[in-house]
Amino acid sequence: MTESEALGFINERIDILKEIFQSDNIDYQKALEVSAKALEKQIPKKPTKDKYVPELDFCPECGTEVTNCNYCPHCGQNTDWSE
């Protein structure tokens, strides 16, 4: 199972919990949401380019400037530097 598949599975379970239990399993639901958010940051995303200064790269999640690093120093998003 890939990270993306696992994230999809977790998000499906969150939706099921919201529908079935509404407010009974809030702690379980929150734990799944935190897990999904953490897992999503592990899936590499390409940095965004500045449209005026193309040499600058920014985290696709939080907008912090990143310079050829594996993870954003601010939010921890995994960055994909492949062409």
Protein backbone atom coordinates (compact mmCIF):
# COMPACT_ATOMS: atom_id res chain seq x y z
CA MET A 1 0.00 0.00 0.00
CA THR A 2 1.39 3.40 -0.93
CA GLU A 3 1.21 6.49 1.24
CA SER A 4 -1.45 7.95 -1.05
CA GLU A 5 -3.55 4.79 -0.82
CA ALA A 6 -3.22 4.73 2.97
CA LEU A 7 -4.25 8.38 3.14
CA GLY A 8 -7.32 7.65 1.03
CA PHE A 9 -8.22 4.74 3.31
CA ILE A 10 -7.88 6.88 6.45
CA ASN A 11 -9.96 9.69 4.94
CA GLU A 12 -12.71 7.20 4.03
CA ARG A 13 -12.79 5.99 7.65
CA ILE A 14 -13.02 9.56 8.91
CA ASP A 15 -16.05 10.15 6.68
CA ILE A 16 -17.69 6.93 7.91
CA LEU A 17 -17.14 7.96 11.54
CA LYS A 18 -18.66 11.37 10.89
CA GLU A 19 -21.77 9.80 9.34
CA ILE A 20 -22.33 6.99 11.82
CA PHE A 21 -21.20 8.30 15.18
CA GLN A 22 -21.47 12.06 14.73
CA SER A 23 -20.15 13.08 18.18
CA ASP A 24 -19.63 9.78 20.04
CA ASN A 25 -16.14 8.92 18.79
CA ILE A 26 -14.61 12.40 18.61
CA ASP A 27 -11.23 11.29 20.04
CA TYR A 28 -10.93 8.43 17.54
CA GLN A 29 -11.97 10.72 14.70
CA LYS A 30 -9.46 13.41 15.74
CA ALA A 31 -6.70 10.80 16.00
CA LEU A 32 -7.43 9.65 12.44
CA GLU A 33 -7.49 13.26 11.20
CA VAL A 34 -4.11 14.00 12.82
CA SER A 35 -2.72 10.77 11.34
CA ALA A 36 -4.03 11.67 7.89
CA LYS A 37 -2.51 15.15 8.08
CA ALA A 38 0.88 13.75 9.15
CA LEU A 39 0.82 11.09 6.43
CA GLU A 40 -0.15 13.65 3.79
CA LYS A 41 3.01 15.64 4.59
CA GLN A 42 5.09 12.53 3.85
CA ILE A 43 3.83 12.41 0.25
CA PRO A 44 6.36 14.49 -1.75
CA LYS A 45 5.01 17.60 -3.46
CA LYS A 46 6.84 19.85 -5.87
CA PRO A 47 7.71 23.32 -4.59
CA THR A 48 5.93 26.23 -6.24
CA LYS A 49 7.91 28.82 -8.20
CA ASP A 50 7.74 32.56 -7.71
CA LYS A 51 6.26 34.02 -10.91
CA TYR A 52 8.51 37.10 -10.73
CA VAL A 53 11.72 35.48 -9.43
CA PRO A 54 11.79 31.91 -10.83
CA GLU A 55 14.92 31.06 -8.80
CA LEU A 56 12.80 31.14 -5.61
CA ASP A 57 10.92 28.00 -4.54
CA PHE A 58 8.16 27.83 -1.93
CA CYS A 59 6.54 25.05 0.07
CA PRO A 60 3.30 24.03 -1.67
CA GLU A 61 1.55 23.73 1.72
CA CYS A 62 2.57 26.74 3.82
CA GLY A 63 4.36 29.04 1.35
CA THR A 64 7.67 29.14 3.23
CA GLU A 65 10.71 29.60 1.01
CA VAL A 66 12.55 26.30 0.57
CA THR A 67 15.98 25.78 -0.96
CA ASN A 68 16.66 22.26 -2.18
CA CYS A 69 15.80 20.64 1.16
CA ASN A 70 13.93 17.37 1.63
CA TYR A 71 11.36 18.82 4.04
CA CYS A 72 9.96 22.29 4.60
CA PRO A 73 11.60 23.72 7.74
CA HIS A 74 8.33 25.36 8.78
CA CYS A 75 5.59 22.74 8.29
CA GLY A 76 7.50 19.52 7.52
CA GLN A 77 6.04 18.94 4.03
CA ASN A 78 8.17 16.48 2.03
CA THR A 79 9.44 18.24 -1.10
CA ASP A 80 9.98 16.64 -4.51
CA TRP A 81 12.89 18.17 -6.41
CA SER A 82 12.81 15.73 -9.33
CA GLU A 83 12.43 17.18 -12.80
